[in-house]
């Protein structure tokens, strides 16, 4: 049975995006991180690889963050560099879709 090694993000600047997600999850960015590659240890591990092309369309896979205070967490994430795209309240669930500084969508869900 395979195990999950890492969730990997293609991006323009690996260390910059690693700093954003490192701040989101309070994980340090290693000293050897570069604009080409960075890796955040922990569960799940997060990797960031620089690619020449920009993001073109909506993510097919995204991260969901579960929080107790939706507005406070969204404000914190926006302060780190995220952008708020949309808010939802459907079937008993409230969440917001945001993008990280590289344009990757993720959701923040009220727990």
N, C-alpha and C. Protein backbone atom coordinates (compact mmCIF):
# COMPACT_ATOMS: atom_id res chain seq x y z
N UNK A 1 0.84 -1.17 0.00
CA UNK A 1 0.00 0.00 0.00
C UNK A 1 0.90 1.25 0.00
N UNK A 2 0.68 2.19 -0.89
CA UNK A 2 1.51 3.40 -0.92
C UNK A 2 1.20 4.31 0.27
N UNK A 3 2.15 5.17 0.58
CA UNK A 3 1.95 6.21 1.58
C UNK A 3 2.16 7.56 0.91
N UNK A 4 1.50 8.57 1.42
CA UNK A 4 1.62 9.92 0.88
C UNK A 4 2.98 10.49 1.27
N UNK A 5 3.80 10.82 0.29
CA UNK A 5 5.12 11.39 0.55
C UNK A 5 5.05 12.89 0.72
N UNK A 6 4.29 13.56 -0.13
CA UNK A 6 4.23 15.02 -0.09
C UNK A 6 3.10 15.51 -0.98
N UNK A 7 2.59 16.67 -0.65
CA UNK A 7 1.71 17.42 -1.55
C UNK A 7 2.61 18.46 -2.20
N UNK A 8 2.66 18.47 -3.53
CA UNK A 8 3.61 19.32 -4.25
C UNK A 8 2.89 20.41 -5.03
N UNK A 9 3.40 21.62 -4.92
CA UNK A 9 2.88 22.78 -5.63
C UNK A 9 3.85 23.18 -6.73
N UNK A 10 3.39 23.31 -7.97
CA UNK A 10 4.16 23.97 -9.00
C UNK A 10 3.96 25.46 -8.79
N UNK A 11 5.01 26.25 -8.96
CA UNK A 11 4.90 27.68 -8.66
C UNK A 11 5.99 28.46 -9.38
N UNK A 12 5.92 29.77 -9.27
CA UNK A 12 6.91 30.64 -9.89
C UNK A 12 8.16 30.76 -9.03
N UNK A 13 8.00 30.84 -7.71
CA UNK A 13 9.11 31.04 -6.78
C UNK A 13 8.89 30.10 -5.59
N UNK A 14 9.66 29.03 -5.53
CA UNK A 14 9.43 27.99 -4.52
C UNK A 14 9.60 28.50 -3.09
N UNK A 15 10.64 29.26 -2.83
CA UNK A 15 10.87 29.71 -1.46
C UNK A 15 9.79 30.72 -1.03
N UNK A 16 9.34 31.57 -1.92
CA UNK A 16 8.29 32.53 -1.57
C UNK A 16 6.99 31.80 -1.22
N UNK A 17 6.61 30.81 -2.01
CA UNK A 17 5.38 30.08 -1.72
C UNK A 17 5.55 29.22 -0.47
N UNK A 18 6.74 28.66 -0.27
CA UNK A 18 7.00 27.90 0.96
C UNK A 18 6.87 28.81 2.18
N UNK A 19 7.31 30.04 2.08
CA UNK A 19 7.17 30.98 3.22
C UNK A 19 5.70 31.24 3.52
N UNK A 20 4.87 31.40 2.48
CA UNK A 20 3.43 31.61 2.71
C UNK A 20 2.84 30.41 3.44
N UNK A 21 3.00 29.19 2.87
CA UNK A 21 2.40 28.00 3.47
C UNK A 21 3.06 27.66 4.80
N UNK A 22 4.34 27.97 4.96
CA UNK A 22 5.01 27.78 6.25
C UNK A 22 4.36 28.65 7.32
N UNK A 23 4.01 29.89 6.96
CA UNK A 23 3.32 30.77 7.90
C UNK A 23 1.91 30.28 8.18
N UNK A 24 1.22 29.77 7.16
CA UNK A 24 -0.14 29.25 7.35
C UNK A 24 -0.13 28.14 8.41
N UNK A 25 0.81 27.20 8.29
CA UNK A 25 0.86 26.03 9.17
C UNK A 25 1.88 26.16 10.29
N UNK A 26 2.51 27.33 10.43
CA UNK A 26 3.52 27.56 11.47
C UNK A 26 4.64 26.51 11.38
N UNK A 27 5.17 26.36 10.16
CA UNK A 27 6.29 25.45 9.91
C UNK A 27 7.46 26.26 9.37
N UNK A 28 8.66 25.97 9.82
CA UNK A 28 9.82 26.72 9.33
C UNK A 28 10.19 26.33 7.90
N UNK A 29 10.71 27.30 7.18
CA UNK A 29 11.25 27.04 5.85
C UNK A 29 12.74 26.72 6.03
N UNK A 30 13.20 25.58 5.54
CA UNK A 30 14.60 25.20 5.74
C UNK A 30 15.56 26.21 5.12
N UNK A 31 16.76 26.29 5.71
CA UNK A 31 17.79 27.22 5.22
C UNK A 31 18.22 26.92 3.79
N UNK A 32 18.09 25.67 3.36
CA UNK A 32 18.53 25.32 2.00
C UNK A 32 17.44 25.53 0.94
N UNK A 33 16.30 26.11 1.32
CA UNK A 33 15.24 26.40 0.34
C UNK A 33 15.74 27.41 -0.68
N UNK A 34 15.29 27.23 -1.93
CA UNK A 34 15.70 28.15 -2.99
C UNK A 34 14.49 28.54 -3.83
N UNK A 35 14.71 29.42 -4.76
CA UNK A 35 13.62 29.82 -5.65
C UNK A 35 13.18 28.65 -6.53
N UNK A 36 14.04 27.64 -6.68
CA UNK A 36 13.73 26.47 -7.51
C UNK A 36 13.01 25.37 -6.75
N UNK A 37 13.37 25.15 -5.46
CA UNK A 37 12.77 24.05 -4.69
C UNK A 37 12.79 24.36 -3.20
N UNK A 38 11.69 24.04 -2.55
CA UNK A 38 11.61 24.14 -1.09
C UNK A 38 10.69 23.02 -0.61
N UNK A 39 10.91 22.62 0.64
CA UNK A 39 10.14 21.51 1.21
C UNK A 39 9.86 21.83 2.67
N UNK A 40 8.60 21.68 3.09
CA UNK A 40 8.24 21.85 4.50
C UNK A 40 7.98 20.48 5.08
N UNK A 41 8.75 20.12 6.08
CA UNK A 41 8.57 18.83 6.74
C UNK A 41 7.30 18.86 7.57
N UNK A 42 6.84 17.70 7.96
CA UNK A 42 5.65 17.58 8.77
C UNK A 42 4.63 16.73 8.07
N UNK A 43 3.45 16.67 8.63
CA UNK A 43 2.38 15.84 8.06
C UNK A 43 1.20 16.72 7.68
N UNK A 44 0.82 16.79 6.47
CA UNK A 44 1.54 16.21 5.33
C UNK A 44 2.74 17.08 4.97
N UNK A 45 3.74 16.48 4.39
CA UNK A 45 4.87 17.24 3.88
C UNK A 45 4.39 18.07 2.69
N UNK A 46 4.96 19.24 2.53
CA UNK A 46 4.62 20.12 1.41
C UNK A 46 5.88 20.44 0.63
N UNK A 47 5.83 20.29 -0.69
CA UNK A 47 6.96 20.59 -1.55
C UNK A 47 6.56 21.67 -2.55
N UNK A 48 7.54 22.46 -2.96
CA UNK A 48 7.30 23.57 -3.88
C UNK A 48 8.38 23.53 -4.96
N UNK A 49 7.94 23.43 -6.21
CA UNK A 49 8.86 23.32 -7.35
C UNK A 49 8.58 24.45 -8.34
N UNK A 50 9.61 25.18 -8.68
CA UNK A 50 9.47 26.24 -9.67
C UNK A 50 9.27 25.65 -11.06
N UNK A 51 8.31 26.19 -11.79
CA UNK A 51 8.05 25.82 -13.17
C UNK A 51 7.96 27.10 -14.00
N UNK A 52 8.28 27.04 -15.29
CA UNK A 52 8.29 28.26 -16.09
C UNK A 52 6.90 28.79 -16.44
N UNK A 53 5.92 27.92 -16.56
CA UNK A 53 4.59 28.38 -16.98
C UNK A 53 3.76 28.83 -15.78
N UNK A 54 2.88 29.80 -16.01
CA UNK A 54 1.97 30.28 -14.97
C UNK A 54 0.73 29.40 -14.91
N UNK A 55 0.07 29.44 -13.77
CA UNK A 55 -1.18 28.70 -13.60
C UNK A 55 -2.20 29.23 -14.61
N UNK A 56 -2.92 28.33 -15.26
CA UNK A 56 -3.84 28.72 -16.32
C UNK A 56 -5.31 28.56 -15.95
N UNK A 57 -5.66 27.60 -15.12
CA UNK A 57 -7.07 27.30 -14.86
C UNK A 57 -7.26 26.90 -13.41
N UNK A 58 -8.50 26.61 -13.06
CA UNK A 58 -8.84 26.20 -11.70
C UNK A 58 -8.12 24.92 -11.33
N UNK A 59 -7.69 24.83 -10.05
CA UNK A 59 -7.05 23.61 -9.55
C UNK A 59 -8.01 22.43 -9.68
N UNK A 60 -7.48 21.27 -9.97
CA UNK A 60 -8.27 20.04 -9.95
C UNK A 60 -8.24 19.42 -8.55
N UNK A 61 -7.24 19.75 -7.75
CA UNK A 61 -7.12 19.30 -6.37
C UNK A 61 -6.79 20.54 -5.54
N UNK A 62 -7.37 20.62 -4.36
CA UNK A 62 -7.05 21.76 -3.51
C UNK A 62 -7.04 21.36 -2.04
N UNK A 63 -6.48 22.21 -1.22
CA UNK A 63 -6.40 22.00 0.22
C UNK A 63 -7.62 22.64 0.88
N UNK A 64 -8.19 21.95 1.88
CA UNK A 64 -9.25 22.52 2.73
C UNK A 64 -8.69 22.67 4.13
N UNK A 65 -8.86 23.84 4.71
CA UNK A 65 -8.46 24.10 6.08
C UNK A 65 -9.72 24.20 6.93
N UNK A 66 -9.76 23.48 8.04
CA UNK A 66 -10.89 23.51 8.95
C UNK A 66 -10.55 24.43 10.12
N UNK A 67 -11.43 25.40 10.41
CA UNK A 67 -11.15 26.39 11.46
C UNK A 67 -12.39 26.63 12.32
N UNK A 68 -12.17 27.12 13.53
CA UNK A 68 -13.26 27.44 14.45
C UNK A 68 -13.80 28.85 14.23
N UNK A 69 -12.93 29.78 13.80
CA UNK A 69 -13.32 31.18 13.57
C UNK A 69 -13.00 31.54 12.12
N UNK A 70 -14.00 31.43 11.27
CA UNK A 70 -13.80 31.59 9.83
C UNK A 70 -13.26 32.98 9.48
N UNK A 71 -13.89 34.03 9.96
CA UNK A 71 -13.48 35.38 9.58
C UNK A 71 -12.09 35.74 10.10
N UNK A 72 -11.78 35.32 11.32
CA UNK A 72 -10.45 35.61 11.87
C UNK A 72 -9.36 34.91 11.06
N UNK A 73 -9.61 33.65 10.68
CA UNK A 73 -8.59 32.92 9.92
C UNK A 73 -8.45 33.49 8.52
N UNK A 74 -9.56 33.88 7.90
CA UNK A 74 -9.47 34.49 6.57
C UNK A 74 -8.67 35.79 6.65
N UNK A 75 -8.92 36.58 7.67
CA UNK A 75 -8.17 37.83 7.84
C UNK A 75 -6.67 37.56 8.01
N UNK A 76 -6.33 36.53 8.78
CA UNK A 76 -4.93 36.16 8.98
C UNK A 76 -4.29 35.73 7.66
N UNK A 77 -5.00 34.90 6.89
CA UNK A 77 -4.47 34.41 5.63
C UNK A 77 -4.32 35.52 4.61
N UNK A 78 -5.28 36.42 4.55
CA UNK A 78 -5.17 37.57 3.64
C UNK A 78 -3.98 38.43 4.05
N UNK A 79 -3.76 38.58 5.35
CA UNK A 79 -2.60 39.33 5.84
C UNK A 79 -1.28 38.69 5.44
N UNK A 80 -1.29 37.36 5.24
CA UNK A 80 -0.09 36.65 4.81
C UNK A 80 0.12 36.72 3.29
N UNK A 81 -0.91 37.16 2.55
CA UNK A 81 -0.77 37.27 1.10
C UNK A 81 -1.82 36.54 0.29
N UNK A 82 -2.77 35.87 0.96
CA UNK A 82 -3.86 35.20 0.23
C UNK A 82 -4.84 36.23 -0.30
N UNK A 83 -5.64 35.81 -1.27
CA UNK A 83 -6.72 36.65 -1.80
C UNK A 83 -8.04 35.89 -1.63
N UNK A 84 -9.06 36.59 -1.18
CA UNK A 84 -10.38 35.99 -0.98
C UNK A 84 -11.14 36.06 -2.29
N UNK A 85 -11.62 34.89 -2.76
CA UNK A 85 -12.34 34.83 -4.03
C UNK A 85 -13.85 34.79 -3.87
N UNK A 86 -14.34 33.94 -2.96
CA UNK A 86 -15.79 33.74 -2.86
C UNK A 86 -16.15 33.15 -1.50
N UNK A 87 -17.39 33.35 -1.11
CA UNK A 87 -17.93 32.81 0.14
C UNK A 87 -19.11 31.91 -0.18
N UNK A 88 -19.26 30.84 0.61
CA UNK A 88 -20.31 29.87 0.37
C UNK A 88 -21.00 29.49 1.67
N UNK A 89 -22.28 29.20 1.58
CA UNK A 89 -23.07 28.70 2.70
C UNK A 89 -24.08 27.74 2.10
N UNK A 90 -23.70 26.45 2.07
CA UNK A 90 -24.52 25.44 1.40
C UNK A 90 -24.62 24.17 2.23
N UNK A 91 -25.79 23.62 2.29
CA UNK A 91 -26.03 22.32 2.92
C UNK A 91 -25.48 22.23 4.34
N UNK A 92 -25.57 23.34 5.07
CA UNK A 92 -25.10 23.36 6.45
C UNK A 92 -23.61 23.62 6.62
N UNK A 93 -22.90 23.92 5.55
CA UNK A 93 -21.47 24.20 5.62
C UNK A 93 -21.21 25.63 5.16
N UNK A 94 -20.30 26.31 5.88
CA UNK A 94 -19.85 27.65 5.48
C UNK A 94 -18.37 27.58 5.18
N UNK A 95 -17.97 28.16 4.06
CA UNK A 95 -16.55 28.20 3.71
C UNK A 95 -16.28 29.35 2.75
N UNK A 96 -15.00 29.65 2.61
CA UNK A 96 -14.55 30.66 1.66
C UNK A 96 -13.45 30.04 0.81
N UNK A 97 -13.42 30.44 -0.44
CA UNK A 97 -12.34 30.04 -1.34
C UNK A 97 -11.37 31.20 -1.44
N UNK A 98 -10.11 30.89 -1.24
CA UNK A 98 -9.04 31.87 -1.34
C UNK A 98 -8.00 31.36 -2.33
N UNK A 99 -7.04 32.22 -2.67
CA UNK A 99 -5.88 31.78 -3.45
C UNK A 99 -4.63 32.12 -2.67
N UNK A 100 -3.60 31.29 -2.83
CA UNK A 100 -2.31 31.61 -2.25
C UNK A 100 -1.63 32.64 -3.17
N UNK A 101 -0.46 33.15 -2.81
CA UNK A 101 0.18 34.18 -3.63
C UNK A 101 0.48 33.75 -5.07
N UNK A 102 0.50 32.44 -5.35
CA UNK A 102 0.76 31.96 -6.70
C UNK A 102 -0.52 31.67 -7.47
N UNK A 103 -1.69 31.90 -6.84
CA UNK A 103 -2.96 31.71 -7.52
C UNK A 103 -3.62 30.36 -7.31
N UNK A 104 -3.04 29.49 -6.47
CA UNK A 104 -3.64 28.18 -6.20
C UNK A 104 -4.82 28.34 -5.25
N UNK A 105 -5.97 27.79 -5.64
CA UNK A 105 -7.16 27.90 -4.81
C UNK A 105 -7.08 26.96 -3.61
N UNK A 106 -7.64 27.40 -2.48
CA UNK A 106 -7.83 26.55 -1.32
C UNK A 106 -9.06 27.05 -0.57
N UNK A 107 -9.65 26.19 0.24
CA UNK A 107 -10.86 26.54 0.98
C UNK A 107 -10.58 26.60 2.47
N UNK A 108 -11.27 27.52 3.13
CA UNK A 108 -11.25 27.63 4.59
C UNK A 108 -12.67 27.34 5.03
N UNK A 109 -12.84 26.25 5.80
CA UNK A 109 -14.15 25.73 6.16
C UNK A 109 -14.39 25.93 7.65
N UNK A 110 -15.57 26.43 7.99
CA UNK A 110 -15.95 26.57 9.40
C UNK A 110 -16.19 25.19 9.99
N UNK A 111 -15.46 24.87 11.07
CA UNK A 111 -15.58 23.55 11.71
C UNK A 111 -16.83 23.48 12.58
